[in-house]
Protein backbone atom coordinates (compact mmCIF):
# COMPACT_ATOMS: atom_id res chain seq x y z
CA MET A 1 -0.14 19.54 -5.19
CA SER A 2 2.93 21.72 -4.78
CA ALA A 3 5.00 22.70 -7.53
CA GLU A 4 8.18 21.32 -5.91
CA PRO A 5 8.46 18.52 -3.75
CA SER A 6 10.71 19.61 -0.25
CA CYS A 7 12.39 15.95 -0.67
CA PRO A 8 12.71 14.57 -3.83
CA TRP A 9 13.03 10.91 -4.49
CA SER A 10 16.38 11.48 -6.00
CA THR A 11 17.59 12.62 -2.50
CA TRP A 12 16.69 9.15 -0.79
CA SER A 13 19.09 6.70 1.04
CA GLY A 14 18.03 3.65 2.75
CA HIS A 15 15.98 1.07 2.16
CA ALA A 16 12.46 0.70 0.76
CA LEU A 17 9.55 -2.13 0.55
CA VAL A 18 6.81 -2.68 -1.56
CA VAL A 19 4.28 -5.36 -0.10
CA GLY A 20 2.55 -7.05 -2.67
CA GLY A 21 3.99 -7.73 -6.10
CA GLY A 22 1.21 -7.51 -8.33
CA GLY A 23 0.89 -4.71 -10.68
CA ILE A 24 0.93 -1.65 -9.56
CA GLY A 25 3.72 -3.41 -6.98
CA GLN A 26 5.48 -4.21 -9.48
CA ALA A 27 5.15 -0.78 -11.53
CA LEU A 28 5.68 0.86 -8.35
CA LEU A 29 9.45 -0.40 -8.06
CA GLY A 30 10.07 0.00 -11.61
CA GLU A 31 9.52 3.68 -10.90
CA LEU A 32 11.22 3.77 -7.74
CA ALA A 33 14.58 2.41 -9.24
CA ALA A 34 14.63 4.89 -11.93
CA ARG A 35 13.92 7.92 -9.75
CA ALA A 36 15.40 6.98 -6.07
CA PRO A 37 18.85 5.27 -6.68
CA GLY A 38 19.88 5.60 -3.81
CA LEU A 39 17.14 3.37 -2.18
CA GLN A 40 17.76 -0.70 -1.62
CA LEU A 41 14.17 -1.81 -3.01
CA TRP A 42 12.40 -4.89 -1.38
CA CYS A 43 9.20 -6.91 -2.89
CA SER A 44 7.01 -8.82 -0.52
CA GLN A 45 5.52 -11.75 -2.04
CA ARG A 46 2.78 -13.97 -0.16
CA ARG A 47 4.85 -17.62 0.46
CA PRO A 48 4.74 -20.70 3.03
CA LEU A 49 7.91 -19.00 5.41
CA ALA A 50 9.20 -15.52 5.55
CA ALA A 51 12.88 -15.40 4.54
CA ALA A 52 14.56 -12.71 2.13
CA GLU A 53 16.97 -13.79 -1.08
CA ALA A 54 18.00 -11.94 -4.25
CA VAL A 55 15.59 -11.95 -7.29
CA SER A 56 16.87 -12.04 -10.49
CA GLY A 57 16.06 -9.99 -13.29
CA GLY A 58 12.60 -8.29 -12.89
CA VAL A 59 13.09 -4.83 -11.49
CA GLY A 60 16.93 -3.83 -11.38
CA ALA A 61 18.51 -4.79 -8.31
CA VAL A 62 15.24 -5.43 -6.45
CA ARG A 63 15.26 -8.20 -3.56
CA GLN A 64 12.40 -10.49 -2.46
CA LEU A 65 10.72 -11.42 0.80
CA SER A 66 8.29 -13.60 1.71
CA LEU A 67 5.23 -12.27 3.42
CA ASP A 68 2.10 -13.81 4.29
CA VAL A 69 0.27 -11.15 6.24
CA SER A 70 -2.34 -13.17 7.23
CA ASP A 71 0.19 -15.40 8.91
CA ASP A 72 1.39 -14.24 12.45
CA ASP A 73 4.58 -16.36 12.17
CA SER A 74 5.36 -14.65 8.88
CA LEU A 75 4.79 -11.07 10.54
CA GLN A 76 6.61 -12.19 13.26
CA ALA A 77 9.53 -13.19 11.27
CA LEU A 78 9.27 -10.15 9.12
CA ARG A 79 9.51 -8.38 12.54
CA GLN A 80 12.49 -9.79 13.50
CA TRP A 81 14.49 -9.77 9.91
CA ALA A 82 13.86 -6.37 9.54
CA LEU A 83 15.44 -5.13 12.42
CA GLU A 84 18.71 -6.60 11.44
CA GLN A 85 18.48 -5.71 7.63
CA LEU A 86 16.23 -3.09 7.00
CA ALA A 87 16.91 -0.29 9.04
CA PRO A 88 16.85 2.56 8.01
CA LEU A 89 13.49 1.59 6.28
CA ARG A 90 13.08 4.48 4.85
CA LEU A 91 9.25 3.85 2.73
CA VAL A 92 6.91 0.99 2.99
CA ILE A 93 4.07 0.74 0.84
CA TYR A 94 1.52 -1.66 1.12
CA ALA A 95 -0.01 -2.74 -2.05
CA ALA A 96 -1.42 -6.05 -1.36
CA GLY A 97 -4.90 -6.53 -2.11
CA VAL A 98 -7.93 -8.96 -2.33
CA LEU A 99 -11.50 -8.11 -4.51
CA GLN A 100 -12.32 -11.59 -6.08
CA GLU A 101 -10.70 -15.17 -5.14
CA GLY A 102 -11.91 -18.58 -5.95
CA SER A 103 -16.07 -18.24 -5.07
CA MET A 104 -15.31 -14.92 -3.19
CA THR A 105 -16.60 -12.20 -5.61
CA PRO A 106 -18.03 -8.78 -5.27
CA GLU A 107 -21.52 -8.68 -3.45
CA LYS A 108 -24.18 -7.24 -6.06
CA ARG A 109 -26.76 -7.64 -3.03
CA LEU A 110 -27.16 -8.60 0.55
CA SER A 111 -28.23 -12.12 -0.51
CA GLN A 112 -24.64 -12.69 -1.40
CA VAL A 113 -22.78 -11.56 2.01
CA ASN A 114 -20.85 -14.13 3.33
CA ARG A 115 -18.32 -14.00 6.41
CA HIS A 116 -15.80 -15.90 4.89
CA ALA A 117 -15.47 -13.16 2.23
CA PHE A 118 -15.62 -10.56 5.18
CA GLU A 119 -12.88 -12.72 7.02
CA ARG A 120 -10.30 -12.38 4.15
CA SER A 121 -11.11 -9.18 2.51
CA PHE A 122 -10.38 -8.07 6.31
CA SER A 123 -7.34 -10.01 6.94
CA VAL A 124 -5.66 -8.64 3.56
CA ASN A 125 -7.44 -5.34 2.88
CA ALA A 126 -7.53 -4.00 6.72
CA TRP A 127 -5.58 -6.07 9.35
CA GLY A 128 -2.67 -6.43 6.45
CA PRO A 129 -1.34 -2.82 6.52
CA LEU A 130 -1.98 -2.43 10.06
CA LEU A 131 -0.11 -5.66 11.30
CA VAL A 132 3.07 -4.64 8.66
CA ALA A 133 3.18 -1.45 10.20
CA GLN A 134 3.70 -3.18 13.72
CA ALA A 135 6.06 -5.54 12.45
CA LEU A 136 8.22 -2.93 10.84
CA GLU A 137 7.80 -0.13 13.07
CA ALA A 138 11.11 -0.60 14.96
CA ALA A 139 13.01 -0.60 12.07
CA LEU A 140 11.89 2.87 10.72
CA PRO A 141 13.98 5.77 11.25
CA ARG A 142 13.59 8.56 14.09
CA ASP A 143 15.99 10.73 12.68
CA GLN A 144 15.24 11.46 9.13
CA PRO A 145 11.26 11.48 7.29
CA ALA A 146 10.16 8.58 6.50
CA LEU A 147 6.84 7.36 4.31
CA PHE A 148 3.83 4.94 5.02
CA ALA A 149 2.03 4.53 2.79
CA SER A 150 -1.09 1.71 2.15
CA LEU A 151 -2.82 1.04 -0.97
CA SER A 152 -6.79 2.43 0.24
CA ALA A 153 -9.72 2.94 -2.44
CA ARG A 154 -12.33 5.19 -3.73
CA VAL A 155 -14.97 2.86 -2.76
CA GLY A 156 -13.69 2.78 0.93
CA SER A 157 -15.06 6.41 1.45
CA ILE A 158 -18.01 6.49 3.09
CA GLY A 159 -18.97 9.66 1.93
CA ASP A 160 -18.66 8.88 -1.30
CA ASN A 161 -20.89 6.20 -1.82
CA ARG A 162 -23.43 5.91 -3.82
CA LEU A 163 -23.49 2.87 -5.62
CA GLY A 164 -23.85 0.54 -2.62
CA GLY A 165 -22.75 -3.17 -3.46
CA TRP A 166 -19.58 -4.49 -2.93
CA TYR A 167 -19.93 -4.69 1.02
CA ALA A 168 -16.67 -6.61 1.95
CA TYR A 169 -14.62 -4.55 -0.17
CA ARG A 170 -15.81 -1.54 0.95
CA ALA A 171 -15.94 -2.14 4.85
CA ALA A 172 -12.31 -3.41 4.19
CA LYS A 173 -11.06 -0.41 2.77
CA ALA A 174 -13.39 1.86 5.57
CA ALA A 175 -11.62 -0.17 7.81
CA GLN A 176 -8.35 0.33 6.56
CA ASN A 177 -8.49 4.08 6.50
CA GLN A 178 -9.51 4.02 10.25
CA LEU A 179 -7.01 1.78 11.20
CA LEU A 180 -4.22 3.92 9.73
CA SER A 181 -5.81 7.18 10.11
CA THR A 182 -5.22 6.04 14.01
CA LEU A 183 -1.82 4.97 13.46
CA ALA A 184 -0.97 8.25 11.86
CA ILE A 185 -1.98 10.56 15.32
CA GLU A 186 -0.13 7.81 17.59
CA TRP A 187 3.18 7.81 15.07
CA ARG A 188 2.68 11.66 15.37
CA ARG A 189 4.06 11.46 19.28
CA ARG A 190 6.20 8.75 18.92
CA LEU A 191 7.32 9.28 15.51
CA PRO A 192 7.00 11.98 14.20
CA GLN A 193 9.11 11.58 11.55
CA VAL A 194 7.25 9.22 9.73
CA CYS A 195 4.15 10.16 7.13
CA VAL A 196 1.40 7.88 6.97
CA THR A 197 -0.92 8.29 3.44
CA LEU A 198 -3.66 6.44 2.41
CA LEU A 199 -3.60 6.34 -1.31
CA HIS A 200 -6.23 6.01 -4.02
CA PRO A 201 -4.66 4.68 -7.45
CA GLY A 202 -7.52 5.56 -9.83
CA THR A 203 -8.80 2.29 -12.14
CA THR A 204 -5.67 0.65 -13.05
CA ALA A 205 -5.51 -2.41 -15.60
CA THR A 206 -4.46 -5.19 -13.45
CA ALA A 207 -5.59 -8.76 -12.78
CA LEU A 208 -7.41 -7.21 -9.58
CA SER A 209 -9.66 -4.70 -11.60
CA ALA A 210 -10.03 -7.03 -15.07
CA PRO A 211 -13.75 -8.92 -14.76
CA PHE A 212 -14.70 -5.03 -13.54
CA ARG A 213 -13.31 -2.35 -15.86
CA SER A 214 -15.70 -2.92 -18.75
CA ALA A 215 -17.40 -0.25 -17.82
CA VAL A 216 -14.21 2.69 -17.43
CA ALA A 217 -13.79 4.96 -20.25
CA PRO A 218 -10.50 4.70 -21.48
CA PRO A 219 -9.13 8.29 -20.59
CA GLN A 220 -9.91 7.03 -17.00
CA LEU A 221 -8.23 3.62 -17.06
CA PHE A 222 -4.46 3.95 -16.35
CA SER A 223 -1.62 1.06 -17.09
CA PRO A 224 0.01 0.14 -13.98
CA GLU A 225 2.98 2.33 -14.99
CA ARG A 226 0.76 5.43 -15.04
CA ALA A 227 -0.27 4.48 -11.46
CA ALA A 228 2.38 4.02 -9.94
CA SER A 229 4.27 7.46 -11.73
CA GLN A 230 1.19 9.69 -9.97
CA LEU A 231 1.25 7.65 -6.48
CA LEU A 232 4.91 8.69 -6.31
CA ASP A 233 4.18 12.12 -7.71
CA VAL A 234 2.11 12.38 -4.46
CA LEU A 235 4.05 10.77 -1.81
CA GLU A 236 7.09 12.91 -3.20
CA ARG A 237 5.08 15.88 -1.40
CA GLN A 238 4.04 14.34 1.41
CA THR A 239 5.83 16.07 4.65
CA PRO A 240 5.55 14.39 8.50
CA ALA A 241 3.15 17.15 9.34
CA GLU A 242 0.41 16.08 6.44
CA SER A 243 0.41 12.41 8.34
CA GLY A 244 -2.90 10.85 7.90
CA ARG A 245 -4.29 11.83 4.80
CA PHE A 246 -6.63 9.90 2.33
CA LEU A 247 -5.70 11.08 -1.18
CA ALA A 248 -6.22 10.57 -4.50
CA TRP A 249 -3.83 9.91 -7.68
CA ASP A 250 -4.29 13.21 -8.64
CA GLY A 251 -3.28 14.55 -4.91
CA ARG A 252 -6.82 15.45 -3.76
CA GLU A 253 -8.20 15.05 -0.67
CA ILE A 254 -11.42 12.16 -0.33
CA PRO A 255 -13.73 12.30 2.30
CA TRP A 256 -13.80 9.52 4.66
């Protein structure tokens, strides 16, 4: 990473939305509140309807809106509301994700693959960030830099796949990478001030990773706060000219 960002967080103003209120999402809001006091922070949580409301307690002056990324009506409500309330939307970080849910767990072998797990994983991990981008596109600025980032995963890298397994999650993250890489190409023409970035946060001590991190050495297991800090360090150094990159928490490129 370069020594100094060209546009430090302390200079940002407007609105910022973190999609997903899990461990990393909440930590990102806390870091942004400290680093970018000029941004009005919003966080989405999954609820039946999409409507904005103030949050009491929690992270600073964060406001909450309801969003189900698997529901078209909720996404349409987000589109309408963003136009009225979120412009200029300077920063979006898609931090929602699903790895296991109910009977859905990462597959260790082909015999465990099932259609429901694929559909659910793709709905949240692949289509979710692209449909959120579609809903928010009109609220993004045309006359100042903006960032659209999404949490991907190294396991979504085809070139880095050494262990196999985890069919649905790997495929959904790989699909997310392709979808947002394609979006970056389109926005270079239509929204040239917007930088799209795919981010691998590293193994983080959250509910999502809890059942799968026993073999992770302590130095490689990040707290949500450390992961958030590292991700914002990487994002702070991205410019529209670098849109479409797939980066790890330390700023290094990850093979597609």
